[in-house]
PDB file of N, CA and C in Angstrom:
ATOM      1  N   MET A   1     -16.564 -21.518 -10.852  1.00  0.00           N
ATOM      2  CA  MET A   1     -15.362 -20.855 -10.210  1.00  0.00           C
ATOM      3  C   MET A   1     -15.651 -19.463  -9.567  1.00  0.00           C
ATOM      4  N   SER A   2     -15.560 -19.244  -8.412  1.00  0.00           N
ATOM      5  CA  SER A   2     -15.985 -18.151  -8.032  1.00  0.00           C
ATOM      6  C   SER A   2     -14.805 -17.345  -7.345  1.00  0.00           C
ATOM      7  N   ILE A   3     -14.978 -16.265  -7.334  1.00  0.00           N
ATOM      8  CA  ILE A   3     -13.673 -15.545  -7.153  1.00  0.00           C
ATOM      9  C   ILE A   3     -14.335 -13.982  -5.838  1.00  0.00           C
ATOM     10  N   PHE A   4     -13.391 -13.813  -5.238  1.00  0.00           N
ATOM     11  CA  PHE A   4     -13.824 -13.270  -4.015  1.00  0.00           C
ATOM     12  C   PHE A   4     -12.729 -12.131  -3.721  1.00  0.00           C
ATOM     13  N   VAL A   5     -13.005 -10.778  -3.849  1.00  0.00           N
ATOM     14  CA  VAL A   5     -12.667  -9.878  -3.502  1.00  0.00           C
ATOM     15  C   VAL A   5     -12.393  -9.139  -2.586  1.00  0.00           C
ATOM     16  N   ALA A   6     -11.696  -9.078  -1.555  1.00  0.00           N
ATOM     17  CA  ALA A   6     -11.599  -7.730  -0.304  1.00  0.00           C
ATOM     18  C   ALA A   6     -11.035  -6.573  -0.479  1.00  0.00           C
ATOM     19  N   LEU A   7     -11.749  -5.722  -0.516  1.00  0.00           N
ATOM     20  CA  LEU A   7     -11.028  -4.272  -0.356  1.00  0.00           C
ATOM     21  C   LEU A   7     -10.794  -3.238   0.951  1.00  0.00           C
ATOM     22  N   ALA A   8      -9.651  -3.087   1.580  1.00  0.00           N
ATOM     23  CA  ALA A   8      -9.801  -2.480   2.668  1.00  0.00           C
ATOM     24  C   ALA A   8      -8.980  -1.196   3.237  1.00  0.00           C
ATOM     25  N   LYS A   9      -9.414  -0.323   3.458  1.00  0.00           N
ATOM     26  CA  LYS A   9      -8.296   0.651   3.634  1.00  0.00           C
ATOM     27  C   LYS A   9      -8.619   1.093   5.198  1.00  0.00           C
ATOM     28  N   ASP A  10      -6.865   1.063   5.518  1.00  0.00           N
ATOM     29  CA  ASP A  10      -6.738   1.891   6.214  1.00  0.00           C
ATOM     30  C   ASP A  10      -6.097   2.579   6.706  1.00  0.00           C
ATOM     31  N   GLY A  11      -5.531   3.342   8.361  1.00  0.00           N
ATOM     32  CA  GLY A  11      -5.642   4.740   8.320  1.00  0.00           C
ATOM     33  C   GLY A  11      -4.229   4.974   8.483  1.00  0.00           C
ATOM     34  N   HIS A  12      -3.374   5.461   9.122  1.00  0.00           N
ATOM     35  CA  HIS A  12      -2.385   6.381   9.040  1.00  0.00           C
ATOM     36  C   HIS A  12      -0.879   6.068   8.853  1.00  0.00           C
ATOM     37  N   LEU A  13      -0.333   5.727   8.029  1.00  0.00           N
ATOM     38  CA  LEU A  13       0.785   5.353   8.321  1.00  0.00           C
ATOM     39  C   LEU A  13       2.271   5.708   7.122  1.00  0.00           C
ATOM     40  N   HIS A  14       3.045   5.894   7.346  1.00  0.00           N
ATOM     41  CA  HIS A  14       4.675   6.459   7.093  1.00  0.00           C
ATOM     42  C   HIS A  14       5.328   5.510   5.997  1.00  0.00           C
ATOM     43  N   ALA A  15       5.521   4.649   6.016  1.00  0.00           N
ATOM     44  CA  ALA A  15       6.147   3.755   5.621  1.00  0.00           C
ATOM     45  C   ALA A  15       5.564   3.064   4.736  1.00  0.00           C
ATOM     46  N   PRO A  16       6.052   2.903   3.198  1.00  0.00           N
ATOM     47  CA  PRO A  16       5.513   1.654   2.508  1.00  0.00           C
ATOM     48  C   PRO A  16       5.457   0.435   2.530  1.00  0.00           C
ATOM     49  N   SER A  17       4.655  -0.260   1.879  1.00  0.00           N
ATOM     50  CA  SER A  17       4.667  -1.489   2.037  1.00  0.00           C
ATOM     51  C   SER A  17       4.108  -1.992   0.659  1.00  0.00           C
ATOM     52  N   ASP A  18       4.607  -3.216   0.575  1.00  0.00           N
ATOM     53  CA  ASP A  18       3.587  -4.263  -0.936  1.00  0.00           C
ATOM     54  C   ASP A  18       4.038  -5.464  -0.687  1.00  0.00           C
ATOM     55  N   TYR A  19       3.331  -6.268   0.337  1.00  0.00           N
ATOM     56  CA  TYR A  19       3.594  -7.941   0.394  1.00  0.00           C
ATOM     57  C   TYR A  19       2.366  -8.796   0.713  1.00  0.00           C
ATOM     58  N   VAL A  20       2.249  -9.755   0.336  1.00  0.00           N
ATOM     59  CA  VAL A  20       1.052 -10.926   0.838  1.00  0.00           C
ATOM     60  C   VAL A  20       1.229 -11.697   1.876  1.00  0.00           C
ATOM     61  N   HIS A  21      -0.245 -11.570   2.410  1.00  0.00           N
ATOM     62  CA  HIS A  21      -0.293 -12.172   3.840  1.00  0.00           C
ATOM     63  C   HIS A  21      -1.801 -13.225   3.049  1.00  0.00           C
ATOM     64  N   ARG A  22      -1.818 -14.255   3.548  1.00  0.00           N
ATOM     65  CA  ARG A  22      -2.863 -15.079   3.627  1.00  0.00           C
ATOM     66  C   ARG A  22      -3.373 -14.718   1.848  1.00  0.00           C
ATOM     67  N   GLY A  23      -2.411 -14.776   1.075  1.00  0.00           N
ATOM     68  CA  GLY A  23      -3.480 -14.809  -0.299  1.00  0.00           C
ATOM     69  C   GLY A  23      -3.810 -13.361  -0.420  1.00  0.00           C
ATOM     70  N   CYS A  24      -3.967 -12.406  -0.018  1.00  0.00           N
ATOM     71  CA  CYS A  24      -3.891 -11.311   0.125  1.00  0.00           C
ATOM     72  C   CYS A  24      -3.436 -10.117  -0.230  1.00  0.00           C
ATOM     73  N   ARG A  25      -3.034  -9.291  -1.175  1.00  0.00           N
ATOM     74  CA  ARG A  25      -2.054  -8.474  -1.405  1.00  0.00           C
ATOM     75  C   ARG A  25      -1.906  -7.192  -0.662  1.00  0.00           C
ATOM     76  N   VAL A  26      -1.263  -6.659   0.229  1.00  0.00           N
ATOM     77  CA  VAL A  26      -1.396  -5.315   0.860  1.00  0.00           C
ATOM     78  C   VAL A  26      -0.197  -4.554   0.773  1.00  0.00           C
ATOM     79  N   VAL A  27      -0.893  -3.223   0.381  1.00  0.00           N
ATOM     80  CA  VAL A  27      -0.177  -2.069  -0.204  1.00  0.00           C
ATOM     81  C   VAL A  27      -0.223  -0.895   0.585  1.00  0.00           C
ATOM     82  N   ALA A  28       0.736  -0.070   0.957  1.00  0.00           N
ATOM     83  CA  ALA A  28       0.433   0.951   1.415  1.00  0.00           C
ATOM     84  C   ALA A  28       1.406   1.747   0.469  1.00  0.00           C
ATOM     85  N   ASN A  29       1.409   3.152   0.391  1.00  0.00           N
ATOM     86  CA  ASN A  29       1.865   3.940  -0.810  1.00  0.00           C
ATOM     87  C   ASN A  29       2.054   5.445   0.097  1.00  0.00           C
ATOM     88  N   PRO A  30       2.252   5.511   1.149  1.00  0.00           N
ATOM     89  CA  PRO A  30       2.243   6.923   1.878  1.00  0.00           C
ATOM     90  C   PRO A  30       3.377   8.085   1.629  1.00  0.00           C
ATOM     91  N   LEU A  31       3.196   9.657   1.155  1.00  0.00           N
ATOM     92  CA  LEU A  31       4.411  10.089   1.201  1.00  0.00           C
ATOM     93  C   LEU A  31       4.747  10.299   2.119  1.00  0.00           C
ATOM     94  N   GLY A  32       4.387   9.935   3.180  1.00  0.00           N
ATOM     95  CA  GLY A  32       5.426  10.457   4.619  1.00  0.00           C
ATOM     96  C   GLY A  32       5.926  12.212   4.636  1.00  0.00           C
ATOM     97  N   TYR A  33       7.068  11.936   5.587  1.00  0.00           N
ATOM     98  CA  TYR A  33       7.396  13.338   5.659  1.00  0.00           C
ATOM     99  C   TYR A  33       9.130  13.370   5.691  1.00  0.00           C
ATOM    100  N   ALA A  34       9.528  13.906   4.328  1.00  0.00           N
ATOM    101  CA  ALA A  34      10.388  14.901   3.890  1.00  0.00           C
ATOM    102  C   ALA A  34      11.674  14.564   5.054  1.00  0.00           C
ATOM    103  N   LYS A  35      11.426  15.456   6.094  1.00  0.00           N
ATOM    104  CA  LYS A  35      12.302  15.280   7.272  1.00  0.00           C
ATOM    105  C   LYS A  35      12.586  14.427   8.094  1.00  0.00           C
ATOM    106  N   ASN A  36      11.975  13.259   7.854  1.00  0.00           N
ATOM    107  CA  ASN A  36      12.326  12.053   8.315  1.00  0.00           C
ATOM    108  C   ASN A  36      12.796  11.140   7.170  1.00  0.00           C
ATOM    109  N   GLY A  37      12.848  11.160   6.075  1.00  0.00           N
ATOM    110  CA  GLY A  37      13.510  10.133   5.286  1.00  0.00           C
ATOM    111  C   GLY A  37      12.409   9.705   4.660  1.00  0.00           C
ATOM    112  N   GLU A  38      11.068   9.668   4.840  1.00  0.00           N
ATOM    113  CA  GLU A  38       9.907   8.707   4.572  1.00  0.00           C
ATOM    114  C   GLU A  38       9.909   8.616   3.019  1.00  0.00           C
ATOM    115  N   GLN A  39       9.727   9.770   2.547  1.00  0.00           N
ATOM    116  CA  GLN A  39       9.445   9.822   1.314  1.00  0.00           C
ATOM    117  C   GLN A  39      10.312   8.852   0.271  1.00  0.00           C
ATOM    118  N   GLU A  40      11.303   8.124   0.556  1.00  0.00           N
ATOM    119  CA  GLU A  40      12.139   7.759  -0.249  1.00  0.00           C
ATOM    120  C   GLU A  40      11.689   6.425  -1.242  1.00  0.00           C
ATOM    121  N   GLY A  41      10.242   5.441  -0.684  1.00  0.00           N
ATOM    122  CA  GLY A  41      10.238   4.968  -1.108  1.00  0.00           C
ATOM    123  C   GLY A  41       8.811   4.532  -1.543  1.00  0.00           C
ATOM    124  N   PHE A  42       8.206   6.181  -1.957  1.00  0.00           N
ATOM    125  CA  PHE A  42       7.065   6.264  -2.336  1.00  0.00           C
ATOM    126  C   PHE A  42       7.046   6.308  -4.189  1.00  0.00           C
ATOM    127  N   ARG A  43       6.211   5.590  -4.457  1.00  0.00           N
ATOM    128  CA  ARG A  43       5.893   5.692  -5.969  1.00  0.00           C
ATOM    129  C   ARG A  43       4.316   6.463  -6.522  1.00  0.00           C
ATOM    130  N   PRO A  44       5.136   7.522  -7.123  1.00  0.00           N
ATOM    131  CA  PRO A  44       3.608   8.255  -7.283  1.00  0.00           C
ATOM    132  C   PRO A  44       3.373   7.999  -8.844  1.00  0.00           C
ATOM    133  N   GLN A  45       3.164   7.063  -9.327  1.00  0.00           N
ATOM    134  CA  GLN A  45       3.117   6.435 -10.483  1.00  0.00           C
ATOM    135  C   GLN A  45       2.200   5.117  -9.992  1.00  0.00           C
ATOM    136  N   LEU A  46       1.708   4.985  -8.500  1.00  0.00           N
ATOM    137  CA  LEU A  46       1.306   3.559  -8.559  1.00  0.00           C
ATOM    138  C   LEU A  46      -0.017   3.197  -9.125  1.00  0.00           C
ATOM    139  N   LEU A  47      -0.499   2.423  -9.857  1.00  0.00           N
ATOM    140  CA  LEU A  47      -2.303   2.163  -9.457  1.00  0.00           C
ATOM    141  C   LEU A  47      -2.244   1.095  -9.584  1.00  0.00           C
ATOM    142  N   ILE A  48      -3.353   0.675  -8.942  1.00  0.00           N
ATOM    143  CA  ILE A  48      -3.719  -0.516  -8.426  1.00  0.00           C
ATOM    144  C   ILE A  48      -5.085  -0.884  -8.858  1.00  0.00           C
ATOM    145  N   GLU A  49      -5.012  -1.956 -10.017  1.00  0.00           N
ATOM    146  CA  GLU A  49      -6.599  -2.072 -10.610  1.00  0.00           C
ATOM    147  C   GLU A  49      -7.364  -3.197  -9.560  1.00  0.00           C
ATOM    148  N   ILE A  50      -8.805  -3.148  -9.091  1.00  0.00           N
ATOM    149  CA  ILE A  50      -9.265  -3.956  -8.854  1.00  0.00           C
ATOM    150  C   ILE A  50     -10.345  -4.577  -9.180  1.00  0.00           C
TER     151      ILE A  50
END
């Protein structure tokens, strides 16, 4: 059994996301701007183990 782990870092985001695409979990946890209401979905305790 082989295990393949891919890690990708992406750039500038404002909206939080957590979904699976083609078997790969995609997570974005940006703080965003308070004045634009972008901080609502931010999870300060989020920890992702790889």
